[in-house]
Amino acid sequence: MSATKRTPRINPRNAKNAVAVAKVIGPALAPILIPFAAKAAATLRNLKDNRRAHKLGVPIADLAKYTGRGAALHARIAGLSEVLQELKDRGKDDHFVAETSDTLAKLTSAVRAAERMPTAKRRTVHKAVAVELDQMEQRLLHKLGI
């Protein structure tokens, strides 16, 4: 209701007039506005995907591989696996590579299993996996001399 008058701002007559105007103007403006709306939606989706890929630390092309609540952990595990493969290709410290690869496989299974757990248990598993990954990254950096 307006402050000066005690009549509602939207009444049946105003609503009927607005619908009549929309029926006339809508079909004329729709072909003009729909392409802009579609382009805006595509741009927003692209920005969202770029932000998510940057947050996970993976290329946009690999973004579909890392979904679910454990996506960040899966991305970290994949990154560590790539570095271990490089160490294996160089022939350095095969025992460390084998041991760490086995642990990464177990951690991957744990994260996948946690997807179906209740929230509290899933969070506990994810925290434990994150701690283990932190320790593994520290050992790997130490092996690399960094």
C-alpha atoms as a PDB file:
ATOM      1  CA  MET A   1       0.000   0.000   0.000  1.00  0.00           C
ATOM      2  CA  SER A   2       1.194   3.498  -0.686  1.00  0.00           C
ATOM      3  CA  ALA A   3       1.824   5.858   2.195  1.00  0.00           C
ATOM      4  CA  THR A   4      -0.518   8.605   1.017  1.00  0.00           C
ATOM      5  CA  LYS A   5      -3.378   6.412  -0.162  1.00  0.00           C
ATOM      6  CA  ARG A   6      -4.678   3.307   1.481  1.00  0.00           C
ATOM      7  CA  THR A   7      -5.130   1.426  -1.780  1.00  0.00           C
ATOM      8  CA  PRO A   8      -2.934  -1.495  -2.721  1.00  0.00           C
ATOM      9  CA  ARG A   9      -0.296  -0.858  -5.364  1.00  0.00           C
ATOM     10  CA  ILE A  10      -1.105  -4.081  -7.152  1.00  0.00           C
ATOM     11  CA  ASN A  11      -4.763  -4.675  -7.705  1.00  0.00           C
ATOM     12  CA  PRO A  12      -6.621  -6.924 -10.143  1.00  0.00           C
ATOM     13  CA  ARG A  13      -7.008  -4.124 -12.682  1.00  0.00           C
ATOM     14  CA  ASN A  14      -3.259  -3.289 -12.699  1.00  0.00           C
ATOM     15  CA  ALA A  15      -2.363  -6.975 -12.937  1.00  0.00           C
ATOM     16  CA  LYS A  16      -4.734  -7.470 -15.860  1.00  0.00           C
ATOM     17  CA  ASN A  17      -3.220  -4.464 -17.662  1.00  0.00           C
ATOM     18  CA  ALA A  18       0.326  -5.749 -17.051  1.00  0.00           C
ATOM     19  CA  VAL A  19      -0.561  -9.173 -18.465  1.00  0.00           C
ATOM     20  CA  ALA A  20      -2.127  -7.544 -21.550  1.00  0.00           C
ATOM     21  CA  VAL A  21       0.993  -5.451 -22.153  1.00  0.00           C
ATOM     22  CA  ALA A  22       3.239  -8.513 -21.701  1.00  0.00           C
ATOM     23  CA  LYS A  23       1.161 -10.449 -24.241  1.00  0.00           C
ATOM     24  CA  VAL A  24       1.739  -7.735 -26.823  1.00  0.00           C
ATOM     25  CA  ILE A  25       5.359  -6.802 -26.114  1.00  0.00           C
ATOM     26  CA  GLY A  26       6.667 -10.257 -25.051  1.00  0.00           C
ATOM     27  CA  PRO A  27       6.591 -11.937 -28.482  1.00  0.00           C
ATOM     28  CA  ALA A  28       8.243  -8.895 -30.037  1.00  0.00           C
ATOM     29  CA  LEU A  29      11.102  -8.755 -27.498  1.00  0.00           C
ATOM     30  CA  ALA A  30      11.658 -12.494 -27.008  1.00  0.00           C
ATOM     31  CA  PRO A  31      13.675 -13.058 -30.219  1.00  0.00           C
ATOM     32  CA  ILE A  32      15.906 -10.165 -29.246  1.00  0.00           C
ATOM     33  CA  LEU A  33      16.392 -11.027 -25.579  1.00  0.00           C
ATOM     34  CA  ILE A  34      16.733 -14.830 -25.733  1.00  0.00           C
ATOM     35  CA  PRO A  35      20.157 -14.860 -27.477  1.00  0.00           C
ATOM     36  CA  PHE A  36      21.522 -12.384 -24.937  1.00  0.00           C
ATOM     37  CA  ALA A  37      20.153 -14.450 -22.063  1.00  0.00           C
ATOM     38  CA  ALA A  38      21.643 -17.645 -23.530  1.00  0.00           C
ATOM     39  CA  LYS A  39      25.046 -16.002 -23.995  1.00  0.00           C
ATOM     40  CA  ALA A  40      24.952 -14.627 -20.452  1.00  0.00           C
ATOM     41  CA  ALA A  41      24.092 -18.075 -19.069  1.00  0.00           C
ATOM     42  CA  ALA A  42      26.945 -19.682 -21.033  1.00  0.00           C
ATOM     43  CA  THR A  43      29.392 -17.046 -19.819  1.00  0.00           C
ATOM     44  CA  LEU A  44      28.332 -17.548 -16.205  1.00  0.00           C
ATOM     45  CA  ARG A  45      28.700 -21.317 -16.555  1.00  0.00           C
ATOM     46  CA  ASN A  46      32.167 -20.890 -18.057  1.00  0.00           C
ATOM     47  CA  LEU A  47      33.220 -18.594 -15.201  1.00  0.00           C
ATOM     48  CA  LYS A  48      31.896 -21.068 -12.661  1.00  0.00           C
ATOM     49  CA  ASP A  49      33.786 -23.952 -14.301  1.00  0.00           C
ATOM     50  CA  ASN A  50      37.002 -21.908 -14.474  1.00  0.00           C
ATOM     51  CA  ARG A  51      36.720 -21.001 -10.801  1.00  0.00           C
ATOM     52  CA  ARG A  52      36.059 -24.596  -9.756  1.00  0.00           C
ATOM     53  CA  ALA A  53      38.962 -25.920 -11.855  1.00  0.00           C
ATOM     54  CA  HIS A  54      41.279 -23.306 -10.365  1.00  0.00           C
ATOM     55  CA  LYS A  55      40.105 -24.161  -6.856  1.00  0.00           C
ATOM     56  CA  LEU A  56      40.767 -27.877  -7.424  1.00  0.00           C
ATOM     57  CA  GLY A  57      44.063 -27.177  -9.185  1.00  0.00           C
ATOM     58  CA  VAL A  58      43.205 -29.129 -12.318  1.00  0.00           C
ATOM     59  CA  PRO A  59      42.816 -28.173 -15.983  1.00  0.00           C
ATOM     60  CA  ILE A  60      39.282 -27.371 -17.118  1.00  0.00           C
ATOM     61  CA  ALA A  61      39.354 -30.379 -19.458  1.00  0.00           C
ATOM     62  CA  ASP A  62      39.791 -32.690 -16.439  1.00  0.00           C
ATOM     63  CA  LEU A  63      37.089 -31.041 -14.340  1.00  0.00           C
ATOM     64  CA  ALA A  64      34.509 -33.743 -15.095  1.00  0.00           C
ATOM     65  CA  LYS A  65      36.770 -36.380 -13.514  1.00  0.00           C
ATOM     66  CA  TYR A  66      36.542 -34.760 -10.094  1.00  0.00           C
ATOM     67  CA  THR A  67      32.959 -34.614  -8.887  1.00  0.00           C
ATOM     68  CA  GLY A  68      31.225 -35.245  -5.627  1.00  0.00           C
ATOM     69  CA  ARG A  69      32.068 -34.210  -2.118  1.00  0.00           C
ATOM     70  CA  GLY A  70      35.554 -35.731  -2.286  1.00  0.00           C
ATOM     71  CA  ALA A  71      36.513 -33.975  -5.539  1.00  0.00           C
ATOM     72  CA  ALA A  72      39.300 -31.930  -3.968  1.00  0.00           C
ATOM     73  CA  LEU A  73      40.806 -35.026  -2.363  1.00  0.00           C
ATOM     74  CA  HIS A  74      40.597 -36.963  -5.629  1.00  0.00           C
ATOM     75  CA  ALA A  75      42.377 -34.093  -7.397  1.00  0.00           C
ATOM     76  CA  ARG A  76      45.147 -34.069  -4.779  1.00  0.00           C
ATOM     77  CA  ILE A  77      45.555 -37.834  -5.069  1.00  0.00           C
ATOM     78  CA  ALA A  78      45.746 -37.603  -8.865  1.00  0.00           C
ATOM     79  CA  GLY A  79      48.397 -34.882  -8.608  1.00  0.00           C
ATOM     80  CA  LEU A  80      50.489 -36.984  -6.252  1.00  0.00           C
ATOM     81  CA  SER A  81      50.086 -39.993  -8.538  1.00  0.00           C
ATOM     82  CA  GLU A  82      51.446 -37.999 -11.478  1.00  0.00           C
ATOM     83  CA  VAL A  83      54.508 -36.909  -9.494  1.00  0.00           C
ATOM     84  CA  LEU A  84      55.098 -40.488  -8.340  1.00  0.00           C
ATOM     85  CA  GLN A  85      54.875 -41.672 -11.953  1.00  0.00           C
ATOM     86  CA  GLU A  86      57.546 -39.119 -12.890  1.00  0.00           C
ATOM     87  CA  LEU A  87      59.772 -40.396 -10.066  1.00  0.00           C
ATOM     88  CA  LYS A  88      59.220 -43.960 -11.225  1.00  0.00           C
ATOM     89  CA  ASP A  89      60.100 -43.029 -14.810  1.00  0.00           C
ATOM     90  CA  ARG A  90      63.359 -41.475 -13.590  1.00  0.00           C
ATOM     91  CA  GLY A  91      64.126 -44.640 -11.643  1.00  0.00           C
ATOM     92  CA  LYS A  92      64.485 -42.866  -8.329  1.00  0.00           C
ATOM     93  CA  ASP A  93      63.574 -44.540  -5.037  1.00  0.00           C
ATOM     94  CA  ASP A  94      61.381 -47.347  -6.360  1.00  0.00           C
ATOM     95  CA  HIS A  95      60.558 -48.578  -2.844  1.00  0.00           C
ATOM     96  CA  PHE A  96      59.139 -45.163  -1.859  1.00  0.00           C
ATOM     97  CA  VAL A  97      57.148 -44.951  -5.101  1.00  0.00           C
ATOM     98  CA  ALA A  98      55.647 -48.428  -4.648  1.00  0.00           C
ATOM     99  CA  GLU A  99      54.764 -47.829  -1.007  1.00  0.00           C
ATOM    100  CA  THR A 100      53.245 -44.413  -1.679  1.00  0.00           C
ATOM    101  CA  SER A 101      51.291 -45.649  -4.721  1.00  0.00           C
ATOM    102  CA  ASP A 102      49.767 -48.409  -2.604  1.00  0.00           C
ATOM    103  CA  THR A 103      48.776 -45.879   0.055  1.00  0.00           C
ATOM    104  CA  LEU A 104      47.262 -43.585  -2.588  1.00  0.00           C
ATOM    105  CA  ALA A 105      45.161 -46.467  -3.909  1.00  0.00           C
ATOM    106  CA  LYS A 106      43.842 -47.109  -0.409  1.00  0.00           C
ATOM    107  CA  LEU A 107      43.110 -43.421   0.116  1.00  0.00           C
ATOM    108  CA  THR A 108      41.240 -43.266  -3.186  1.00  0.00           C
ATOM    109  CA  SER A 109      39.085 -46.183  -2.083  1.00  0.00           C
ATOM    110  CA  ALA A 110      38.438 -44.521   1.263  1.00  0.00           C
ATOM    111  CA  VAL A 111      37.294 -41.284  -0.376  1.00  0.00           C
ATOM    112  CA  ARG A 112      34.999 -43.187  -2.752  1.00  0.00           C
ATOM    113  CA  ALA A 113      33.526 -45.186   0.113  1.00  0.00           C
ATOM    114  CA  ALA A 114      32.979 -42.003   2.126  1.00  0.00           C
ATOM    115  CA  GLU A 115      30.678 -40.623  -0.594  1.00  0.00           C
ATOM    116  CA  ARG A 116      27.888 -42.894   0.659  1.00  0.00           C
ATOM    117  CA  MET A 117      28.479 -42.348   4.369  1.00  0.00           C
ATOM    118  CA  PRO A 118      26.483 -40.043   6.605  1.00  0.00           C
ATOM    119  CA  THR A 119      27.796 -36.486   6.761  1.00  0.00           C
ATOM    120  CA  ALA A 120      29.608 -36.763  10.104  1.00  0.00           C
ATOM    121  CA  LYS A 121      31.442 -39.960   9.134  1.00  0.00           C
ATOM    122  CA  ARG A 122      32.254 -38.622   5.673  1.00  0.00           C
ATOM    123  CA  ARG A 123      33.805 -35.492   7.154  1.00  0.00           C
ATOM    124  CA  THR A 124      35.869 -37.593   9.541  1.00  0.00           C
ATOM    125  CA  VAL A 125      37.138 -39.771   6.689  1.00  0.00           C
ATOM    126  CA  HIS A 126      37.901 -36.725   4.546  1.00  0.00           C
ATOM    127  CA  LYS A 127      39.855 -35.079   7.370  1.00  0.00           C
ATOM    128  CA  ALA A 128      41.851 -38.254   7.965  1.00  0.00           C
ATOM    129  CA  VAL A 129      42.614 -38.585   4.247  1.00  0.00           C
ATOM    130  CA  ALA A 130      43.621 -34.915   4.057  1.00  0.00           C
ATOM    131  CA  VAL A 131      46.028 -35.348   6.984  1.00  0.00           C
ATOM    132  CA  GLU A 132      47.546 -38.422   5.361  1.00  0.00           C
ATOM    133  CA  LEU A 133      47.916 -36.552   2.047  1.00  0.00           C
ATOM    134  CA  ASP A 134      49.613 -33.651   3.839  1.00  0.00           C
ATOM    135  CA  GLN A 135      52.128 -36.043   5.393  1.00  0.00           C
ATOM    136  CA  MET A 136      52.671 -37.779   2.074  1.00  0.00           C
ATOM    137  CA  GLU A 137      53.286 -34.446   0.328  1.00  0.00           C
ATOM    138  CA  GLN A 138      55.836 -33.519   2.996  1.00  0.00           C
ATOM    139  CA  ARG A 139      57.687 -36.835   2.514  1.00  0.00           C
ATOM    140  CA  LEU A 140      57.610 -36.378  -1.252  1.00  0.00           C
ATOM    141  CA  LEU A 141      59.007 -32.852  -1.011  1.00  0.00           C
ATOM    142  CA  HIS A 142      61.723 -34.151   1.297  1.00  0.00           C
ATOM    143  CA  LYS A 143      62.613 -36.864  -1.248  1.00  0.00           C
ATOM    144  CA  LEU A 144      62.780 -34.207  -3.960  1.00  0.00           C
ATOM    145  CA  GLY A 145      65.048 -32.068  -1.788  1.00  0.00           C
ATOM    146  CA  ILE A 146      62.665 -29.163  -1.421  1.00  0.00           C
END
